[in-house]
């Protein structure tokens, strides 16, 4: 059993002398092993230093390139795109609220007064958040112009976690499919609109639309679920009264 020996301790017996020699020998071997390991590591580093520095340099270039791209390319492009989109967005809003809406929706899509339309923003500023938002406006414009295929195409290219825009975009795709008499696809997107966000505006609206399509498809159990959710969770909504009427028809069918 090894015992602790104070510094300066001198072995007295032959056995103790042997133990000290063995201990020193073991320590020497450990340090020798460490030295050899360190030497091998140093040799590997020296031998592969070009490779190592190349990796470090590549990582640095990627990081600096990413930061530089965001600051000097992406951010200015986004700002410019939003400025360019201002007039097209104004046309869209005027179309929603005013007269001659078809003409204004077309100007929102294609531009006017020398300004870009949403289609120009999507093309010229691809990859920017502004181009993504332009997909939403373009899709909704096409939906109002009854160009349902293009409405589906552009709204499908729009991606957002916004609590209002996300369900409206999915609901818009549902509307387009229903107008194309593709009811099952329409119901699928109404379900997506319902699950995208729960709020007092979009949720009861798409629950009612989903219920009507489900009735058309003969899925009365599903329609009943949609309608009962409206009357239970959104009893103060404008859709609640219509839901109560439809519940009676659905129950008669069941």
C-alpha atoms as a PDB file:
ATOM      1  CA  UNK A   1       0.000   0.000   0.000  1.00  0.00           C
ATOM      2  CA  UNK A   2       1.460   3.377  -0.988  1.00  0.00           C
ATOM      3  CA  UNK A   3       2.081   5.885   1.830  1.00  0.00           C
ATOM      4  CA  UNK A   4       2.471   9.638   1.708  1.00  0.00           C
ATOM      5  CA  UNK A   5       6.101  10.778   1.959  1.00  0.00           C
ATOM      6  CA  UNK A   6       7.071  14.301   2.898  1.00  0.00           C
ATOM      7  CA  UNK A   7       9.311  16.364   0.617  1.00  0.00           C
ATOM      8  CA  UNK A   8      12.967  15.663   1.356  1.00  0.00           C
ATOM      9  CA  UNK A   9      12.177  12.279   2.797  1.00  0.00           C
ATOM     10  CA  UNK A  10      15.102   9.862   2.486  1.00  0.00           C
ATOM     11  CA  UNK A  11      14.427   6.119   2.209  1.00  0.00           C
ATOM     12  CA  UNK A  12      15.920   4.113   5.010  1.00  0.00           C
ATOM     13  CA  UNK A  13      15.330   0.503   4.147  1.00  0.00           C
ATOM     14  CA  UNK A  14      16.152  -1.406   0.980  1.00  0.00           C
ATOM     15  CA  UNK A  15      12.444  -1.902   0.311  1.00  0.00           C
ATOM     16  CA  UNK A  16      11.770   1.842   0.533  1.00  0.00           C
ATOM     17  CA  UNK A  17      14.681   2.545  -1.806  1.00  0.00           C
ATOM     18  CA  UNK A  18      13.207   0.133  -4.340  1.00  0.00           C
ATOM     19  CA  UNK A  19       9.788   1.804  -4.035  1.00  0.00           C
ATOM     20  CA  UNK A  20      11.297   5.234  -4.642  1.00  0.00           C
ATOM     21  CA  UNK A  21      13.158   3.996  -7.701  1.00  0.00           C
ATOM     22  CA  UNK A  22      10.009   2.408  -9.099  1.00  0.00           C
ATOM     23  CA  UNK A  23       7.970   5.521  -8.362  1.00  0.00           C
ATOM     24  CA  UNK A  24      10.506   7.764 -10.073  1.00  0.00           C
ATOM     25  CA  UNK A  25      10.658   5.349 -12.998  1.00  0.00           C
ATOM     26  CA  UNK A  26       6.840   5.374 -13.383  1.00  0.00           C
ATOM     27  CA  UNK A  27       6.730   9.171 -13.185  1.00  0.00           C
ATOM     28  CA  UNK A  28       9.464   9.407 -15.757  1.00  0.00           C
ATOM     29  CA  UNK A  29       7.568   7.082 -18.073  1.00  0.00           C
ATOM     30  CA  UNK A  30       4.397   9.169 -17.696  1.00  0.00           C
ATOM     31  CA  UNK A  31       6.232  12.381 -18.545  1.00  0.00           C
ATOM     32  CA  UNK A  32       8.036  10.656 -21.380  1.00  0.00           C
ATOM     33  CA  UNK A  33       4.658   9.452 -22.745  1.00  0.00           C
ATOM     34  CA  UNK A  34       3.218  12.949 -22.455  1.00  0.00           C
ATOM     35  CA  UNK A  35       6.263  14.433 -24.165  1.00  0.00           C
ATOM     36  CA  UNK A  36       5.998  11.917 -26.981  1.00  0.00           C
ATOM     37  CA  UNK A  37       2.255  12.664 -27.371  1.00  0.00           C
ATOM     38  CA  UNK A  38       2.897  16.393 -27.431  1.00  0.00           C
ATOM     39  CA  UNK A  39       5.681  15.943 -29.960  1.00  0.00           C
ATOM     40  CA  UNK A  40       3.430  13.899 -32.229  1.00  0.00           C
ATOM     41  CA  UNK A  41       0.705  16.521 -31.935  1.00  0.00           C
ATOM     42  CA  UNK A  42       3.176  19.276 -32.775  1.00  0.00           C
ATOM     43  CA  UNK A  43       4.446  17.275 -35.738  1.00  0.00           C
ATOM     44  CA  UNK A  44       0.857  16.738 -36.992  1.00  0.00           C
ATOM     45  CA  UNK A  45       0.083  20.458 -36.601  1.00  0.00           C
ATOM     46  CA  UNK A  46       3.253  21.458 -38.433  1.00  0.00           C
ATOM     47  CA  UNK A  47       2.644  18.915 -41.166  1.00  0.00           C
ATOM     48  CA  UNK A  48      -0.996  19.937 -41.640  1.00  0.00           C
ATOM     49  CA  UNK A  49      -0.842  23.634 -40.806  1.00  0.00           C
ATOM     50  CA  UNK A  50      -1.801  24.682 -44.343  1.00  0.00           C
ATOM     51  CA  UNK A  51      -4.875  22.467 -44.126  1.00  0.00           C
ATOM     52  CA  UNK A  52      -5.794  23.808 -40.648  1.00  0.00           C
ATOM     53  CA  UNK A  53      -5.295  27.442 -41.624  1.00  0.00           C
ATOM     54  CA  UNK A  54      -7.305  26.765 -44.765  1.00  0.00           C
ATOM     55  CA  UNK A  55     -10.268  25.516 -42.709  1.00  0.00           C
ATOM     56  CA  UNK A  56     -10.017  28.451 -40.283  1.00  0.00           C
ATOM     57  CA  UNK A  57      -9.785  30.848 -43.210  1.00  0.00           C
ATOM     58  CA  UNK A  58     -12.772  29.270 -44.948  1.00  0.00           C
ATOM     59  CA  UNK A  59     -14.892  29.539 -41.786  1.00  0.00           C
ATOM     60  CA  UNK A  60     -13.870  33.166 -41.334  1.00  0.00           C
ATOM     61  CA  UNK A  61     -14.719  33.949 -44.956  1.00  0.00           C
ATOM     62  CA  UNK A  62     -18.167  32.341 -44.598  1.00  0.00           C
ATOM     63  CA  UNK A  63     -18.941  34.234 -41.373  1.00  0.00           C
ATOM     64  CA  UNK A  64     -17.664  37.561 -42.681  1.00  0.00           C
ATOM     65  CA  UNK A  65     -19.404  36.953 -46.002  1.00  0.00           C
ATOM     66  CA  UNK A  66     -22.707  36.276 -44.238  1.00  0.00           C
ATOM     67  CA  UNK A  67     -22.409  39.403 -42.093  1.00  0.00           C
ATOM     68  CA  UNK A  68     -21.322  41.470 -45.086  1.00  0.00           C
ATOM     69  CA  UNK A  69     -24.145  40.128 -47.246  1.00  0.00           C
ATOM     70  CA  UNK A  70     -26.741  41.014 -44.622  1.00  0.00           C
ATOM     71  CA  UNK A  71     -25.385  44.495 -44.008  1.00  0.00           C
ATOM     72  CA  UNK A  72     -24.382  45.608 -47.479  1.00  0.00           C
ATOM     73  CA  UNK A  73     -26.703  43.621 -49.769  1.00  0.00           C
ATOM     74  CA  UNK A  74     -29.736  42.069 -48.037  1.00  0.00           C
ATOM     75  CA  UNK A  75     -30.696  45.004 -45.797  1.00  0.00           C
ATOM     76  CA  UNK A  76     -30.352  47.699 -48.502  1.00  0.00           C
ATOM     77  CA  UNK A  77     -32.211  45.479 -51.010  1.00  0.00           C
ATOM     78  CA  UNK A  78     -35.075  44.969 -48.542  1.00  0.00           C
ATOM     79  CA  UNK A  79     -35.320  48.700 -47.844  1.00  0.00           C
ATOM     80  CA  UNK A  80     -35.286  49.523 -51.550  1.00  0.00           C
ATOM     81  CA  UNK A  81     -37.878  46.845 -52.307  1.00  0.00           C
ATOM     82  CA  UNK A  82     -40.260  48.130 -49.643  1.00  0.00           C
ATOM     83  CA  UNK A  83     -39.921  51.662 -51.021  1.00  0.00           C
ATOM     84  CA  UNK A  84     -40.608  50.411 -54.544  1.00  0.00           C
ATOM     85  CA  UNK A  85     -43.616  48.408 -53.333  1.00  0.00           C
ATOM     86  CA  UNK A  86     -45.322  51.385 -51.707  1.00  0.00           C
ATOM     87  CA  UNK A  87     -47.329  52.456 -54.775  1.00  0.00           C
ATOM     88  CA  UNK A  88     -48.371  48.895 -55.661  1.00  0.00           C
ATOM     89  CA  UNK A  89     -49.567  48.380 -52.084  1.00  0.00           C
ATOM     90  CA  UNK A  90     -51.509  51.642 -52.296  1.00  0.00           C
ATOM     91  CA  UNK A  91     -53.252  50.455 -55.491  1.00  0.00           C
ATOM     92  CA  UNK A  92     -54.176  47.208 -53.756  1.00  0.00           C
ATOM     93  CA  UNK A  93     -55.646  48.988 -50.728  1.00  0.00           C
ATOM     94  CA  UNK A  94     -57.624  51.349 -52.969  1.00  0.00           C
ATOM     95  CA  UNK A  95     -58.961  48.346 -54.880  1.00  0.00           C
ATOM     96  CA  UNK A  96     -60.156  46.725 -51.649  1.00  0.00           C
ATOM     97  CA  UNK A  97     -61.869  49.887 -50.430  1.00  0.00           C
ATOM     98  CA  UNK A  98     -62.949  51.663 -53.612  1.00  0.00           C
ATOM     99  CA  UNK A  99     -64.458  51.479 -57.066  1.00  0.00           C
ATOM    100  CA  UNK A 100     -62.929  50.311 -60.355  1.00  0.00           C
ATOM    101  CA  UNK A 101     -61.311  47.563 -58.334  1.00  0.00           C
ATOM    102  CA  UNK A 102     -60.353  45.379 -61.311  1.00  0.00           C
ATOM    103  CA  UNK A 103     -58.303  48.175 -62.812  1.00  0.00           C
ATOM    104  CA  UNK A 104     -56.624  48.919 -59.502  1.00  0.00           C
ATOM    105  CA  UNK A 105     -55.858  45.257 -58.838  1.00  0.00           C
ATOM    106  CA  UNK A 106     -54.210  45.078 -62.262  1.00  0.00           C
ATOM    107  CA  UNK A 107     -52.173  48.190 -61.492  1.00  0.00           C
ATOM    108  CA  UNK A 108     -51.180  46.648 -58.169  1.00  0.00           C
ATOM    109  CA  UNK A 109     -49.921  43.607 -60.056  1.00  0.00           C
ATOM    110  CA  UNK A 110     -48.277  45.304 -63.029  1.00  0.00           C
ATOM    111  CA  UNK A 111     -47.468  48.780 -61.764  1.00  0.00           C
ATOM    112  CA  UNK A 112     -48.490  52.239 -62.869  1.00  0.00           C
ATOM    113  CA  UNK A 113     -47.263  55.820 -63.031  1.00  0.00           C
ATOM    114  CA  UNK A 114     -43.762  54.520 -63.690  1.00  0.00           C
ATOM    115  CA  UNK A 115     -43.742  52.498 -60.458  1.00  0.00           C
ATOM    116  CA  UNK A 116     -43.209  48.778 -59.908  1.00  0.00           C
ATOM    117  CA  UNK A 117     -46.096  46.376 -59.459  1.00  0.00           C
ATOM    118  CA  UNK A 118     -46.079  43.352 -57.176  1.00  0.00           C
ATOM    119  CA  UNK A 119     -44.892  41.105 -60.007  1.00  0.00           C
ATOM    120  CA  UNK A 120     -41.869  43.389 -60.548  1.00  0.00           C
ATOM    121  CA  UNK A 121     -41.035  43.281 -56.826  1.00  0.00           C
ATOM    122  CA  UNK A 122     -41.167  39.467 -56.848  1.00  0.00           C
ATOM    123  CA  UNK A 123     -38.890  39.323 -59.899  1.00  0.00           C
ATOM    124  CA  UNK A 124     -36.424  42.103 -59.084  1.00  0.00           C
ATOM    125  CA  UNK A 125     -36.060  41.481 -55.345  1.00  0.00           C
ATOM    126  CA  UNK A 126     -36.342  37.708 -55.175  1.00  0.00           C
ATOM    127  CA  UNK A 127     -35.423  36.282 -51.776  1.00  0.00           C
ATOM    128  CA  UNK A 128     -36.224  39.416 -49.796  1.00  0.00           C
ATOM    129  CA  UNK A 129     -39.039  39.648 -47.218  1.00  0.00           C
ATOM    130  CA  UNK A 130     -40.585  42.305 -49.493  1.00  0.00           C
ATOM    131  CA  UNK A 131     -40.803  39.822 -52.394  1.00  0.00           C
ATOM    132  CA  UNK A 132     -42.373  37.287 -50.047  1.00  0.00           C
ATOM    133  CA  UNK A 133     -45.010  39.844 -49.004  1.00  0.00           C
ATOM    134  CA  UNK A 134     -45.559  40.766 -52.650  1.00  0.00           C
ATOM    135  CA  UNK A 135     -46.523  37.117 -53.259  1.00  0.00           C
ATOM    136  CA  UNK A 136     -49.362  37.597 -50.779  1.00  0.00           C
ATOM    137  CA  UNK A 137     -50.636  40.792 -52.416  1.00  0.00           C
ATOM    138  CA  UNK A 138     -50.317  39.289 -55.895  1.00  0.00           C
ATOM    139  CA  UNK A 139     -52.181  36.151 -54.871  1.00  0.00           C
ATOM    140  CA  UNK A 140     -55.014  38.097 -53.284  1.00  0.00           C
ATOM    141  CA  UNK A 141     -55.203  40.423 -56.302  1.00  0.00           C
ATOM    142  CA  UNK A 142     -55.504  37.441 -58.640  1.00  0.00           C
ATOM    143  CA  UNK A 143     -58.156  35.933 -56.360  1.00  0.00           C
ATOM    144  CA  UNK A 144     -60.231  39.105 -56.635  1.00  0.00           C
ATOM    145  CA  UNK A 145     -59.701  39.135 -60.395  1.00  0.00           C
ATOM    146  CA  UNK A 146     -61.029  35.553 -60.502  1.00  0.00           C
ATOM    147  CA  UNK A 147     -57.723  34.232 -61.853  1.00  0.00           C
ATOM    148  CA  UNK A 148     -57.786  31.308 -59.453  1.00  0.00           C
ATOM    149  CA  UNK A 149     -54.797  29.348 -60.748  1.00  0.00           C
ATOM    150  CA  UNK A 150     -52.483  32.327 -60.333  1.00  0.00           C
ATOM    151  CA  UNK A 151     -54.037  33.047 -56.949  1.00  0.00           C
ATOM    152  CA  UNK A 152     -53.074  29.541 -55.789  1.00  0.00           C
ATOM    153  CA  UNK A 153     -49.583  29.844 -57.271  1.00  0.00           C
ATOM    154  CA  UNK A 154     -48.664  33.144 -55.619  1.00  0.00           C
ATOM    155  CA  UNK A 155     -50.364  32.518 -52.278  1.00  0.00           C
ATOM    156  CA  UNK A 156     -48.575  29.156 -52.089  1.00  0.00           C
ATOM    157  CA  UNK A 157     -45.258  30.985 -52.510  1.00  0.00           C
ATOM    158  CA  UNK A 158     -46.077  33.232 -49.553  1.00  0.00           C
ATOM    159  CA  UNK A 159     -44.758  32.136 -46.164  1.00  0.00           C
ATOM    160  CA  UNK A 160     -45.478  33.853 -42.862  1.00  0.00           C
ATOM    161  CA  UNK A 161     -46.115  33.296 -39.168  1.00  0.00           C
ATOM    162  CA  UNK A 162     -48.200  36.447 -38.992  1.00  0.00           C
ATOM    163  CA  UNK A 163     -51.362  35.762 -36.988  1.00  0.00           C
ATOM    164  CA  UNK A 164     -53.630  37.309 -39.618  1.00  0.00           C
ATOM    165  CA  UNK A 165     -51.827  37.030 -42.950  1.00  0.00           C
ATOM    166  CA  UNK A 166     -51.011  33.342 -42.568  1.00  0.00           C
ATOM    167  CA  UNK A 167     -54.622  32.124 -42.118  1.00  0.00           C
ATOM    168  CA  UNK A 168     -55.940  34.582 -44.731  1.00  0.00           C
ATOM    169  CA  UNK A 169     -53.405  33.355 -47.308  1.00  0.00           C
ATOM    170  CA  UNK A 170     -54.301  29.702 -46.647  1.00  0.00           C
ATOM    171  CA  UNK A 171     -57.989  30.576 -46.676  1.00  0.00           C
ATOM    172  CA  UNK A 172     -57.473  32.390 -49.982  1.00  0.00           C
ATOM    173  CA  UNK A 173     -56.045  29.220 -51.486  1.00  0.00           C
ATOM    174  CA  UNK A 174     -59.080  27.384 -50.147  1.00  0.00           C
ATOM    175  CA  UNK A 175     -61.386  29.938 -51.809  1.00  0.00           C
ATOM    176  CA  UNK A 176     -59.582  29.518 -55.128  1.00  0.00           C
ATOM    177  CA  UNK A 177     -59.861  25.729 -55.030  1.00  0.00           C
ATOM    178  CA  UNK A 178     -63.576  25.944 -54.206  1.00  0.00           C
ATOM    179  CA  UNK A 179     -64.125  28.288 -57.162  1.00  0.00           C
ATOM    180  CA  UNK A 180     -62.329  25.730 -59.337  1.00  0.00           C
ATOM    181  CA  UNK A 181     -64.757  23.139 -57.945  1.00  0.00           C
ATOM    182  CA  UNK A 182     -61.930  21.243 -56.258  1.00  0.00           C
ATOM    183  CA  UNK A 183     -63.826  20.974 -52.998  1.00  0.00           C
ATOM    184  CA  UNK A 184     -61.609  18.473 -51.179  1.00  0.00           C
ATOM    185  CA  UNK A 185     -58.527  20.648 -51.763  1.00  0.00           C
ATOM    186  CA  UNK A 186     -60.528  23.684 -50.706  1.00  0.00           C
ATOM    187  CA  UNK A 187     -61.564  22.010 -47.449  1.00  0.00           C
ATOM    188  CA  UNK A 188     -57.958  20.993 -46.801  1.00  0.00           C
ATOM    189  CA  UNK A 189     -56.818  24.623 -46.998  1.00  0.00           C
ATOM    190  CA  UNK A 190     -59.716  25.881 -44.894  1.00  0.00           C
ATOM    191  CA  UNK A 191     -58.535  23.436 -42.234  1.00  0.00           C
ATOM    192  CA  UNK A 192     -55.032  24.865 -42.552  1.00  0.00           C
ATOM    193  CA  UNK A 193     -56.417  28.396 -42.217  1.00  0.00           C
ATOM    194  CA  UNK A 194     -58.351  27.378 -39.087  1.00  0.00           C
ATOM    195  CA  UNK A 195     -55.303  25.765 -37.447  1.00  0.00           C
ATOM    196  CA  UNK A 196     -52.876  28.534 -38.451  1.00  0.00           C
ATOM    197  CA  UNK A 197     -54.179  30.851 -35.745  1.00  0.00           C
ATOM    198  CA  UNK A 198     -57.211  31.121 -33.487  1.00  0.00           C
ATOM    199  CA  UNK A 199     -58.781  34.581 -33.441  1.00  0.00           C
ATOM    200  CA  UNK A 200     -62.213  36.203 -33.485  1.00  0.00           C
ATOM    201  CA  UNK A 201     -62.008  37.216 -37.154  1.00  0.00           C
ATOM    202  CA  UNK A 202     -60.510  34.509 -39.365  1.00  0.00           C
ATOM    203  CA  UNK A 203     -61.349  31.398 -37.318  1.00  0.00           C
ATOM    204  CA  UNK A 204     -65.181  31.589 -37.400  1.00  0.00           C
ATOM    205  CA  UNK A 205     -65.057  32.778 -41.029  1.00  0.00           C
ATOM    206  CA  UNK A 206     -63.123  29.724 -42.206  1.00  0.00           C
ATOM    207  CA  UNK A 207     -65.023  27.369 -39.907  1.00  0.00           C
ATOM    208  CA  UNK A 208     -68.226  28.446 -41.662  1.00  0.00           C
ATOM    209  CA  UNK A 209     -66.672  28.094 -45.118  1.00  0.00           C
ATOM    210  CA  UNK A 210     -65.335  24.676 -44.167  1.00  0.00           C
ATOM    211  CA  UNK A 211     -68.777  23.634 -42.913  1.00  0.00           C
ATOM    212  CA  UNK A 212     -70.447  24.664 -46.172  1.00  0.00           C
ATOM    213  CA  UNK A 213     -67.915  22.693 -48.235  1.00  0.00           C
ATOM    214  CA  UNK A 214     -68.233  19.684 -45.924  1.00  0.00           C
ATOM    215  CA  UNK A 215     -72.007  19.763 -46.468  1.00  0.00           C
ATOM    216  CA  UNK A 216     -71.439  19.869 -50.238  1.00  0.00           C
ATOM    217  CA  UNK A 217     -69.189  16.833 -49.909  1.00  0.00           C
ATOM    218  CA  UNK A 218     -71.774  15.021 -47.794  1.00  0.00           C
ATOM    219  CA  UNK A 219     -69.479  15.010 -44.744  1.00  0.00           C
ATOM    220  CA  UNK A 220     -72.220  15.967 -42.285  1.00  0.00           C
ATOM    221  CA  UNK A 221     -70.391  14.825 -39.155  1.00  0.00           C
ATOM    222  CA  UNK A 222     -67.443  17.035 -40.062  1.00  0.00           C
ATOM    223  CA  UNK A 223     -69.769  19.916 -40.913  1.00  0.00           C
ATOM    224  CA  UNK A 224     -71.468  19.528 -37.537  1.00  0.00           C
ATOM    225  CA  UNK A 225     -68.087  19.757 -35.772  1.00  0.00           C
ATOM    226  CA  UNK A 226     -67.223  23.002 -37.560  1.00  0.00           C
ATOM    227  CA  UNK A 227     -70.625  24.559 -36.866  1.00  0.00           C
ATOM    228  CA  UNK A 228     -70.752  23.585 -33.205  1.00  0.00           C
ATOM    229  CA  UNK A 229     -67.323  25.058 -32.679  1.00  0.00           C
ATOM    230  CA  UNK A 230     -68.592  28.379 -34.053  1.00  0.00           C
ATOM    231  CA  UNK A 231     -71.612  28.472 -31.747  1.00  0.00           C
ATOM    232  CA  UNK A 232     -69.552  27.349 -28.744  1.00  0.00           C
ATOM    233  CA  UNK A 233     -66.304  29.313 -29.110  1.00  0.00           C
ATOM    234  CA  UNK A 234     -67.427  32.260 -31.227  1.00  0.00           C
ATOM    235  CA  UNK A 235     -71.037  32.840 -30.170  1.00  0.00           C
ATOM    236  CA  UNK A 236     -70.616  36.594 -30.579  1.00  0.00           C
ATOM    237  CA  UNK A 237     -69.439  36.395 -34.182  1.00  0.00           C
ATOM    238  CA  UNK A 238     -71.520  37.262 -37.234  1.00  0.00           C
ATOM    239  CA  UNK A 239     -71.064  33.653 -38.403  1.00  0.00           C
ATOM    240  CA  UNK A 240     -72.779  32.243 -35.288  1.00  0.00           C
ATOM    241  CA  UNK A 241     -76.314  33.020 -36.505  1.00  0.00           C
ATOM    242  CA  UNK A 242     -75.654  31.348 -39.874  1.00  0.00           C
ATOM    243  CA  UNK A 243     -74.081  28.402 -38.082  1.00  0.00           C
ATOM    244  CA  UNK A 244     -77.222  27.845 -35.994  1.00  0.00           C
ATOM    245  CA  UNK A 245     -79.362  27.707 -39.151  1.00  0.00           C
ATOM    246  CA  UNK A 246     -77.005  25.245 -40.811  1.00  0.00           C
ATOM    247  CA  UNK A 247     -76.854  23.044 -37.705  1.00  0.00           C
ATOM    248  CA  UNK A 248     -80.564  22.366 -38.106  1.00  0.00           C
ATOM    249  CA  UNK A 249     -80.097  21.324 -41.737  1.00  0.00           C
ATOM    250  CA  UNK A 250     -77.111  19.129 -40.894  1.00  0.00           C
ATOM    251  CA  UNK A 251     -78.950  17.394 -38.048  1.00  0.00           C
ATOM    252  CA  UNK A 252     -81.871  16.714 -40.390  1.00  0.00           C
ATOM    253  CA  UNK A 253     -79.434  15.128 -42.862  1.00  0.00           C
ATOM    254  CA  UNK A 254     -77.864  13.000 -40.141  1.00  0.00           C
END
